[in-house]
Amino acid sequence: MGSAATAPGDTPAQGVTAQVARLNSELRHHSATDVLRRAGEEVPNLALVSSFGAESVVLLHLASMVNRDLPILFIDTEMLFTETLVYQQEVTERLGLRNVTILRSGSIRAADPDGTLHQRDTDACCALRKTVPLQTALRGFDGWISGRKRFQSGTRAALEHFELEQRGPGLPDRIKVNPLAYWDPADVQTYMTENRLPRHPLVAQGYPSIGCEPCTSPVKPGEDPRAGRWRDSDKDECGIHFVNGKMVRTGGRT
């Protein structure tokens, strides 16, 4: 596995921290394509994680123009909408993505045999079906790309293009890349229209943010786009953007 270069006297952790700060400073006003290209240059062992949800096609299209062989990880929780599974196949073929891996947990039958864990403990269900399979798959990568954006929720309001993901004692830090961090809803819709990208069929039915079927509901006009995710609970993240129970630390700007 490759690693980021470090300056003389730096520890690896200090080197990655400085790298994240430098990249955020240098690319603050650059395009998402520039961010993707630079990420590929500086973090050569990189994967893109996609839910193939409501807005995922934008980042996937950008990535396809930079590198169609970029590893793309898609987590099939076995509770996704059928529409999402069909859409994943359609988008993969349309964009000519050549390196898509479908991840599934190997522990579902033992840990949730009747498929009701989400009714008792949504955090445990997300960990079982999403977080653990993803973190296992990401062990071989120095960094990963996400489609998160500042406008999506309060926990993402300070999102930068590059983040430092501290993985815990004995594990090397990773870089997380958010090429669309500064995009707003109009940017997303304009890009999809101008590039004639296929839309997730559930968006037209009132689902601006799409996760697992049991924990996703339609959103009313005027509601937050993620209001339909884990409705009537304090939960607003599935957990894949947490490490050791905490949001990953965002790299500062200089």
C-alpha atoms as a PDB file:
ATOM      1  CA  MET A   1       0.000   0.000   0.000  1.00  0.00           C
ATOM      2  CA  GLY A   2       1.367   3.410  -0.927  1.00  0.00           C
ATOM      3  CA  SER A   3       1.778   6.260   1.507  1.00  0.00           C
ATOM      4  CA  ALA A   4       1.894  10.035   1.384  1.00  0.00           C
ATOM      5  CA  ALA A   5       5.306  11.635   1.282  1.00  0.00           C
ATOM      6  CA  THR A   6       6.581  13.180   4.498  1.00  0.00           C
ATOM      7  CA  ALA A   7       9.050  15.962   5.034  1.00  0.00           C
ATOM      8  CA  PRO A   8      12.336  15.235   6.838  1.00  0.00           C
ATOM      9  CA  GLY A   9      11.711  14.961  10.565  1.00  0.00           C
ATOM     10  CA  ASP A  10       7.958  14.468  10.171  1.00  0.00           C
ATOM     11  CA  THR A  11       6.212  11.393  11.486  1.00  0.00           C
ATOM     12  CA  PRO A  12       3.806   9.764   9.001  1.00  0.00           C
ATOM     13  CA  ALA A  13       0.831  11.239  10.900  1.00  0.00           C
ATOM     14  CA  GLN A  14       2.318  14.732  10.777  1.00  0.00           C
ATOM     15  CA  GLY A  15       2.986  14.286   7.082  1.00  0.00           C
ATOM     16  CA  VAL A  16      -0.634  13.376   6.298  1.00  0.00           C
ATOM     17  CA  THR A  17      -1.943  16.230   8.470  1.00  0.00           C
ATOM     18  CA  ALA A  18       0.240  18.722   6.619  1.00  0.00           C
ATOM     19  CA  GLN A  19      -0.725  17.206   3.283  1.00  0.00           C
ATOM     20  CA  VAL A  20      -4.449  17.600   4.021  1.00  0.00           C
ATOM     21  CA  ALA A  21      -4.003  21.227   5.106  1.00  0.00           C
ATOM     22  CA  ARG A  22      -1.912  22.010   2.014  1.00  0.00           C
ATOM     23  CA  LEU A  23      -4.379  20.406  -0.381  1.00  0.00           C
ATOM     24  CA  ASN A  24      -7.320  22.265   1.155  1.00  0.00           C
ATOM     25  CA  SER A  25      -5.437  25.537   0.835  1.00  0.00           C
ATOM     26  CA  GLU A  26      -4.313  24.949  -2.740  1.00  0.00           C
ATOM     27  CA  LEU A  27      -7.615  23.592  -4.075  1.00  0.00           C
ATOM     28  CA  ARG A  28     -10.145  25.645  -2.109  1.00  0.00           C
ATOM     29  CA  HIS A  29     -11.401  27.424  -5.253  1.00  0.00           C
ATOM     30  CA  HIS A  30     -10.756  24.644  -7.757  1.00  0.00           C
ATOM     31  CA  SER A  31     -13.251  22.432  -9.541  1.00  0.00           C
ATOM     32  CA  ALA A  32     -14.334  18.984  -8.435  1.00  0.00           C
ATOM     33  CA  THR A  33     -12.442  17.548 -11.409  1.00  0.00           C
ATOM     34  CA  ASP A  34      -9.256  19.265 -10.241  1.00  0.00           C
ATOM     35  CA  VAL A  35      -9.770  17.842  -6.750  1.00  0.00           C
ATOM     36  CA  LEU A  36     -10.230  14.330  -8.165  1.00  0.00           C
ATOM     37  CA  ARG A  37      -7.160  14.590 -10.379  1.00  0.00           C
ATOM     38  CA  ARG A  38      -4.950  15.887  -7.575  1.00  0.00           C
ATOM     39  CA  ALA A  39      -6.256  13.250  -5.200  1.00  0.00           C
ATOM     40  CA  GLY A  40      -5.284  10.581  -7.708  1.00  0.00           C
ATOM     41  CA  GLU A  41      -1.806  12.066  -8.006  1.00  0.00           C
ATOM     42  CA  GLU A  42      -1.134  12.426  -4.288  1.00  0.00           C
ATOM     43  CA  VAL A  43      -3.071   9.434  -2.951  1.00  0.00           C
ATOM     44  CA  PRO A  44      -2.480   6.829  -5.651  1.00  0.00           C
ATOM     45  CA  ASN A  45      -4.135   3.990  -3.713  1.00  0.00           C
ATOM     46  CA  LEU A  46      -7.601   5.511  -3.695  1.00  0.00           C
ATOM     47  CA  ALA A  47     -11.193   4.209  -3.832  1.00  0.00           C
ATOM     48  CA  LEU A  48     -14.526   5.911  -4.403  1.00  0.00           C
ATOM     49  CA  VAL A  49     -17.410   4.899  -2.134  1.00  0.00           C
ATOM     50  CA  SER A  50     -20.854   5.340  -3.684  1.00  0.00           C
ATOM     51  CA  SER A  51     -24.378   4.581  -2.537  1.00  0.00           C
ATOM     52  CA  PHE A  52     -25.703   4.990  -6.108  1.00  0.00           C
ATOM     53  CA  GLY A  53     -28.317   7.201  -4.472  1.00  0.00           C
ATOM     54  CA  ALA A  54     -30.137  10.368  -5.466  1.00  0.00           C
ATOM     55  CA  GLU A  55     -27.091  12.473  -6.394  1.00  0.00           C
ATOM     56  CA  SER A  56     -24.379   9.826  -6.724  1.00  0.00           C
ATOM     57  CA  VAL A  57     -24.320   9.897 -10.517  1.00  0.00           C
ATOM     58  CA  VAL A  58     -22.664  13.342 -10.480  1.00  0.00           C
ATOM     59  CA  LEU A  59     -19.519  12.194  -8.681  1.00  0.00           C
ATOM     60  CA  LEU A  60     -19.481   8.924 -10.611  1.00  0.00           C
ATOM     61  CA  HIS A  61     -19.639  10.810 -13.899  1.00  0.00           C
ATOM     62  CA  LEU A  62     -16.792  13.120 -12.847  1.00  0.00           C
ATOM     63  CA  ALA A  63     -14.734  10.114 -11.771  1.00  0.00           C
ATOM     64  CA  SER A  64     -15.419   8.331 -15.066  1.00  0.00           C
ATOM     65  CA  MET A  65     -13.899  11.260 -16.948  1.00  0.00           C
ATOM     66  CA  VAL A  66     -10.759  11.179 -14.810  1.00  0.00           C
ATOM     67  CA  ASN A  67     -10.244   7.415 -14.476  1.00  0.00           C
ATOM     68  CA  ARG A  68     -12.762   4.723 -15.417  1.00  0.00           C
ATOM     69  CA  ASP A  69     -10.604   2.121 -13.673  1.00  0.00           C
ATOM     70  CA  LEU A  70     -10.850   3.867 -10.299  1.00  0.00           C
ATOM     71  CA  PRO A  71     -11.981   1.312  -7.685  1.00  0.00           C
ATOM     72  CA  ILE A  72     -15.620   1.999  -6.763  1.00  0.00           C
ATOM     73  CA  LEU A  73     -17.133   0.384  -3.676  1.00  0.00           C
ATOM     74  CA  PHE A  74     -20.908  -0.099  -3.447  1.00  0.00           C
ATOM     75  CA  ILE A  75     -22.393  -1.482  -0.227  1.00  0.00           C
ATOM     76  CA  ASP A  76     -25.397  -3.740  -0.715  1.00  0.00           C
ATOM     77  CA  THR A  77     -26.972  -3.821   2.739  1.00  0.00           C
ATOM     78  CA  GLU A  78     -29.560  -6.341   1.532  1.00  0.00           C
ATOM     79  CA  MET A  79     -32.195  -3.807   2.602  1.00  0.00           C
ATOM     80  CA  LEU A  80     -31.828  -1.404  -0.305  1.00  0.00           C
ATOM     81  CA  PHE A  81     -34.710  -0.416  -2.552  1.00  0.00           C
ATOM     82  CA  THR A  82     -34.970  -2.591  -5.644  1.00  0.00           C
ATOM     83  CA  GLU A  83     -34.826   0.653  -7.624  1.00  0.00           C
ATOM     84  CA  THR A  84     -31.359   1.358  -6.211  1.00  0.00           C
ATOM     85  CA  LEU A  85     -30.016  -2.047  -7.262  1.00  0.00           C
ATOM     86  CA  VAL A  86     -31.353  -1.598 -10.800  1.00  0.00           C
ATOM     87  CA  TYR A  87     -30.034   1.976 -10.935  1.00  0.00           C
ATOM     88  CA  GLN A  88     -26.566   0.815  -9.847  1.00  0.00           C
ATOM     89  CA  GLN A  89     -26.370  -1.522 -12.819  1.00  0.00           C
ATOM     90  CA  GLU A  90     -27.706   1.118 -15.231  1.00  0.00           C
ATOM     91  CA  VAL A  91     -25.257   3.822 -14.108  1.00  0.00           C
ATOM     92  CA  THR A  92     -22.292   1.431 -14.125  1.00  0.00           C
ATOM     93  CA  GLU A  93     -23.018   0.470 -17.725  1.00  0.00           C
ATOM     94  CA  ARG A  94     -23.880   3.978 -18.906  1.00  0.00           C
ATOM     95  CA  LEU A  95     -20.677   5.514 -17.533  1.00  0.00           C
ATOM     96  CA  GLY A  96     -18.435   2.624 -18.502  1.00  0.00           C
ATOM     97  CA  LEU A  97     -17.203   2.091 -14.942  1.00  0.00           C
ATOM     98  CA  ARG A  98     -14.778  -0.825 -15.075  1.00  0.00           C
ATOM     99  CA  ASN A  99     -13.896  -1.488 -11.441  1.00  0.00           C
ATOM    100  CA  VAL A 100     -17.056  -1.622  -9.301  1.00  0.00           C
ATOM    101  CA  THR A 101     -17.028  -3.934  -6.275  1.00  0.00           C
ATOM    102  CA  ILE A 102     -20.266  -4.830  -4.487  1.00  0.00           C
ATOM    103  CA  LEU A 103     -19.740  -5.266  -0.743  1.00  0.00           C
ATOM    104  CA  ARG A 104     -21.970  -7.347   1.520  1.00  0.00           C
ATOM    105  CA  SER A 105     -21.656  -8.288   5.170  1.00  0.00           C
ATOM    106  CA  GLY A 106     -20.922 -11.927   5.882  1.00  0.00           C
ATOM    107  CA  SER A 107     -22.489 -11.726   9.342  1.00  0.00           C
ATOM    108  CA  ILE A 108     -26.082 -10.748   8.605  1.00  0.00           C
ATOM    109  CA  ARG A 109     -27.582 -14.238   8.913  1.00  0.00           C
ATOM    110  CA  ALA A 110     -26.010 -14.756  12.344  1.00  0.00           C
ATOM    111  CA  ALA A 111     -26.480 -11.236  13.750  1.00  0.00           C
ATOM    112  CA  ASP A 112     -29.869 -10.349  12.253  1.00  0.00           C
ATOM    113  CA  PRO A 113     -31.540 -13.599  11.157  1.00  0.00           C
ATOM    114  CA  ASP A 114     -35.072 -12.175  11.015  1.00  0.00           C
ATOM    115  CA  GLY A 115     -34.118  -8.786   9.562  1.00  0.00           C
ATOM    116  CA  THR A 116     -35.538  -6.771  12.466  1.00  0.00           C
ATOM    117  CA  LEU A 117     -32.368  -5.315  14.002  1.00  0.00           C
ATOM    118  CA  HIS A 118     -33.146  -1.908  12.484  1.00  0.00           C
ATOM    119  CA  GLN A 119     -36.348  -1.801  14.543  1.00  0.00           C
ATOM    120  CA  ARG A 120     -34.440  -2.240  17.798  1.00  0.00           C
ATOM    121  CA  ASP A 121     -31.090  -0.572  17.174  1.00  0.00           C
ATOM    122  CA  THR A 122     -30.500   1.413  13.991  1.00  0.00           C
ATOM    123  CA  ASP A 123     -26.862   2.100  14.882  1.00  0.00           C
ATOM    124  CA  ALA A 124     -26.126  -1.603  15.289  1.00  0.00           C
ATOM    125  CA  CYS A 125     -27.895  -2.382  12.024  1.00  0.00           C
ATOM    126  CA  CYS A 126     -25.897   0.254  10.121  1.00  0.00           C
ATOM    127  CA  ALA A 127     -22.674  -1.042  11.662  1.00  0.00           C
ATOM    128  CA  LEU A 128     -23.476  -4.611  10.667  1.00  0.00           C
ATOM    129  CA  ARG A 129     -24.656  -3.942   7.142  1.00  0.00           C
ATOM    130  CA  LYS A 130     -22.609  -0.876   6.126  1.00  0.00           C
ATOM    131  CA  THR A 131     -19.804   0.293   8.375  1.00  0.00           C
ATOM    132  CA  VAL A 132     -18.013  -2.993   9.060  1.00  0.00           C
ATOM    133  CA  PRO A 133     -18.069  -4.230   5.431  1.00  0.00           C
ATOM    134  CA  LEU A 134     -16.815  -0.860   4.197  1.00  0.00           C
ATOM    135  CA  GLN A 135     -14.036  -0.497   6.749  1.00  0.00           C
ATOM    136  CA  THR A 136     -12.913  -4.029   5.971  1.00  0.00           C
ATOM    137  CA  ALA A 137     -12.775  -3.235   2.253  1.00  0.00           C
ATOM    138  CA  LEU A 138     -10.960   0.061   2.840  1.00  0.00           C
ATOM    139  CA  ARG A 139      -8.081  -1.560   4.731  1.00  0.00           C
ATOM    140  CA  GLY A 140      -6.151  -1.848   1.497  1.00  0.00           C
ATOM    141  CA  PHE A 141      -6.513   1.838   0.570  1.00  0.00           C
ATOM    142  CA  ASP A 142      -4.676   5.007   1.624  1.00  0.00           C
ATOM    143  CA  GLY A 143      -7.711   7.187   1.006  1.00  0.00           C
ATOM    144  CA  TRP A 144     -11.284   7.250  -0.220  1.00  0.00           C
ATOM    145  CA  ILE A 145     -13.637   9.570  -2.056  1.00  0.00           C
ATOM    146  CA  SER A 146     -17.142  10.453  -0.885  1.00  0.00           C
ATOM    147  CA  GLY A 147     -19.972  12.490  -2.388  1.00  0.00           C
ATOM    148  CA  ARG A 148     -20.789  14.435   0.775  1.00  0.00           C
ATOM    149  CA  LYS A 149     -21.693  18.110   0.494  1.00  0.00           C
ATOM    150  CA  ARG A 150     -21.928  20.956   2.999  1.00  0.00           C
ATOM    151  CA  PHE A 151     -25.613  21.626   2.366  1.00  0.00           C
ATOM    152  CA  GLN A 152     -26.766  18.116   3.239  1.00  0.00           C
ATOM    153  CA  SER A 153     -26.862  18.393   7.038  1.00  0.00           C
ATOM    154  CA  GLY A 154     -25.521  20.304  10.025  1.00  0.00           C
ATOM    155  CA  THR A 155     -22.807  17.721  10.658  1.00  0.00           C
ATOM    156  CA  ARG A 156     -21.438  18.426   7.158  1.00  0.00           C
ATOM    157  CA  ALA A 157     -21.597  22.235   7.263  1.00  0.00           C
ATOM    158  CA  ALA A 158     -17.833  22.680   7.700  1.00  0.00           C
ATOM    159  CA  LEU A 159     -16.818  19.998   5.222  1.00  0.00           C
ATOM    160  CA  GLU A 160     -13.561  20.519   3.307  1.00  0.00           C
ATOM    161  CA  HIS A 161     -12.297  18.940   0.086  1.00  0.00           C
ATOM    162  CA  PHE A 162      -9.805  16.868   2.064  1.00  0.00           C
ATOM    163  CA  GLU A 163     -10.125  15.367   5.554  1.00  0.00           C
ATOM    164  CA  LEU A 164      -7.761  13.509   7.831  1.00  0.00           C
ATOM    165  CA  GLU A 165      -9.274  10.227   8.954  1.00  0.00           C
ATOM    166  CA  GLN A 166      -7.588   9.036  12.131  1.00  0.00           C
ATOM    167  CA  ARG A 167      -8.134   5.311  12.427  1.00  0.00           C
ATOM    168  CA  GLY A 168      -6.889   4.639  15.929  1.00  0.00           C
ATOM    169  CA  PRO A 169      -3.770   3.258  17.648  1.00  0.00           C
ATOM    170  CA  GLY A 170      -1.432   1.294  15.418  1.00  0.00           C
ATOM    171  CA  LEU A 171      -3.289   2.123  12.190  1.00  0.00           C
ATOM    172  CA  PRO A 172      -2.080   4.653   9.601  1.00  0.00           C
ATOM    173  CA  ASP A 173      -4.186   7.731   8.986  1.00  0.00           C
ATOM    174  CA  ARG A 174      -6.178   7.946   5.780  1.00  0.00           C
ATOM    175  CA  ILE A 175      -7.231  10.844   3.585  1.00  0.00           C
ATOM    176  CA  LYS A 176     -10.896  11.313   2.726  1.00  0.00           C
ATOM    177  CA  VAL A 177     -11.699  13.328  -0.392  1.00  0.00           C
ATOM    178  CA  ASN A 178     -14.944  15.286  -0.850  1.00  0.00           C
ATOM    179  CA  PRO A 179     -14.811  16.783  -4.382  1.00  0.00           C
ATOM    180  CA  LEU A 180     -18.389  18.138  -4.143  1.00  0.00           C
ATOM    181  CA  ALA A 181     -18.058  19.672  -0.669  1.00  0.00           C
ATOM    182  CA  TYR A 182     -18.835  23.211  -1.854  1.00  0.00           C
ATOM    183  CA  TRP A 183     -21.524  22.372  -4.377  1.00  0.00           C
ATOM    184  CA  ASP A 184     -25.067  23.544  -3.676  1.00  0.00           C
ATOM    185  CA  PRO A 185     -28.317  21.856  -4.772  1.00  0.00           C
ATOM    186  CA  ALA A 186     -28.538  23.988  -7.911  1.00  0.00           C
ATOM    187  CA  ASP A 187     -25.018  22.958  -8.955  1.00  0.00           C
ATOM    188  CA  VAL A 188     -25.972  19.295  -8.648  1.00  0.00           C
ATOM    189  CA  GLN A 189     -29.172  19.605 -10.645  1.00  0.00           C
ATOM    190  CA  THR A 190     -27.574  21.758 -13.350  1.00  0.00           C
ATOM    191  CA  TYR A 191     -24.727  19.277 -13.790  1.00  0.00           C
ATOM    192  CA  MET A 192     -27.125  16.348 -14.097  1.00  0.00           C
ATOM    193  CA  THR A 193     -29.248  18.178 -16.648  1.00  0.00           C
ATOM    194  CA  GLU A 194     -26.376  19.486 -18.764  1.00  0.00           C
ATOM    195  CA  ASN A 195     -24.747  16.053 -18.903  1.00  0.00           C
ATOM    196  CA  ARG A 196     -28.047  14.202 -19.400  1.00  0.00           C
ATOM    197  CA  LEU A 197     -27.341  11.853 -16.547  1.00  0.00           C
ATOM    198  CA  PRO A 198     -29.892   9.204 -15.531  1.00  0.00           C
ATOM    199  CA  ARG A 199     -31.905  10.048 -12.411  1.00  0.00           C
ATOM    200  CA  HIS A 200     -32.617   7.670  -9.573  1.00  0.00           C
ATOM    201  CA  PRO A 201     -36.296   6.766 -10.080  1.00  0.00           C
ATOM    202  CA  LEU A 202     -37.205   7.368  -6.423  1.00  0.00           C
ATOM    203  CA  VAL A 203     -36.271  11.064  -6.565  1.00  0.00           C
ATOM    204  CA  ALA A 204     -39.421  11.801  -8.560  1.00  0.00           C
ATOM    205  CA  GLN A 205     -41.398  10.068  -5.810  1.00  0.00           C
ATOM    206  CA  GLY A 206     -40.160  12.441  -3.089  1.00  0.00           C
ATOM    207  CA  TYR A 207     -36.912  10.805  -1.983  1.00  0.00           C
ATOM    208  CA  PRO A 208     -34.082  13.386  -2.256  1.00  0.00           C
ATOM    209  CA  SER A 209     -31.856  11.219  -0.034  1.00  0.00           C
ATOM    210  CA  ILE A 210     -32.033   7.450  -0.361  1.00  0.00           C
ATOM    211  CA  GLY A 211     -30.753   4.779   1.997  1.00  0.00           C
ATOM    212  CA  CYS A 212     -32.159   1.448   3.099  1.00  0.00           C
ATOM    213  CA  GLU A 213     -35.854   0.921   2.425  1.00  0.00           C
ATOM    214  CA  PRO A 214     -37.039   0.422   6.054  1.00  0.00           C
ATOM    215  CA  CYS A 215     -35.284   3.593   7.275  1.00  0.00           C
ATOM    216  CA  THR A 216     -36.023   5.964   4.384  1.00  0.00           C
ATOM    217  CA  SER A 217     -39.267   7.873   3.864  1.00  0.00           C
ATOM    218  CA  PRO A 218     -40.431  10.545   1.401  1.00  0.00           C
ATOM    219  CA  VAL A 219     -39.654  14.182   2.193  1.00  0.00           C
ATOM    220  CA  LYS A 220     -42.321  16.889   2.152  1.00  0.00           C
ATOM    221  CA  PRO A 221     -41.748  20.218   0.350  1.00  0.00           C
ATOM    222  CA  GLY A 222     -39.712  22.549   2.570  1.00  0.00           C
ATOM    223  CA  GLU A 223     -38.212  19.781   4.690  1.00  0.00           C
ATOM    224  CA  ASP A 224     -34.482  19.181   4.958  1.00  0.00           C
ATOM    225  CA  PRO A 225     -33.418  16.841   2.120  1.00  0.00           C
ATOM    226  CA  ARG A 226     -32.246  14.266   4.673  1.00  0.00           C
ATOM    227  CA  ALA A 227     -35.392  14.500   6.826  1.00  0.00           C
ATOM    228  CA  GLY A 228     -36.543  11.174   5.447  1.00  0.00           C
ATOM    229  CA  ARG A 229     -33.488   9.328   6.740  1.00  0.00           C
ATOM    230  CA  TRP A 230     -34.188   7.722  10.152  1.00  0.00           C
ATOM    231  CA  ARG A 231     -37.219   9.986  10.542  1.00  0.00           C
ATOM    232  CA  ASP A 232     -38.260  10.957  14.092  1.00  0.00           C
ATOM    233  CA  SER A 233     -34.857  10.078  15.530  1.00  0.00           C
ATOM    234  CA  ASP A 234     -31.657  11.975  16.356  1.00  0.00           C
ATOM    235  CA  LYS A 235     -29.696   9.863  13.894  1.00  0.00           C
ATOM    236  CA  ASP A 236     -28.586  11.568  10.663  1.00  0.00           C
ATOM    237  CA  GLU A 237     -25.491   9.576   9.637  1.00  0.00           C
ATOM    238  CA  CYS A 238     -25.209   5.847   8.986  1.00  0.00           C
ATOM    239  CA  GLY A 239     -21.768   5.648  10.581  1.00  0.00           C
ATOM    240  CA  ILE A 240     -19.460   5.138   7.613  1.00  0.00           C
ATOM    241  CA  HIS A 241     -18.148   8.680   8.142  1.00  0.00           C
ATOM    242  CA  PHE A 242     -17.265   7.959  11.774  1.00  0.00           C
ATOM    243  CA  VAL A 243     -14.106   6.391  13.176  1.00  0.00           C
ATOM    244  CA  ASN A 244     -14.127   4.978  16.690  1.00  0.00           C
ATOM    245  CA  GLY A 245     -17.570   6.489  17.221  1.00  0.00           C
ATOM    246  CA  LYS A 246     -16.538  10.042  16.281  1.00  0.00           C
ATOM    247  CA  MET A 247     -16.811  12.158  13.147  1.00  0.00           C
ATOM    248  CA  VAL A 248     -13.480  12.234  11.365  1.00  0.00           C
ATOM    249  CA  ARG A 249     -11.412  15.354  12.023  1.00  0.00           C
ATOM    250  CA  THR A 250     -11.448  17.865   9.208  1.00  0.00           C
ATOM    251  CA  GLY A 251      -8.097  19.102   7.960  1.00  0.00           C
ATOM    252  CA  GLY A 252      -7.641  22.823   8.505  1.00  0.00           C
ATOM    253  CA  ARG A 253      -6.882  25.438   5.895  1.00  0.00           C
ATOM    254  CA  THR A 254      -3.801  27.622   5.928  1.00  0.00           C
END
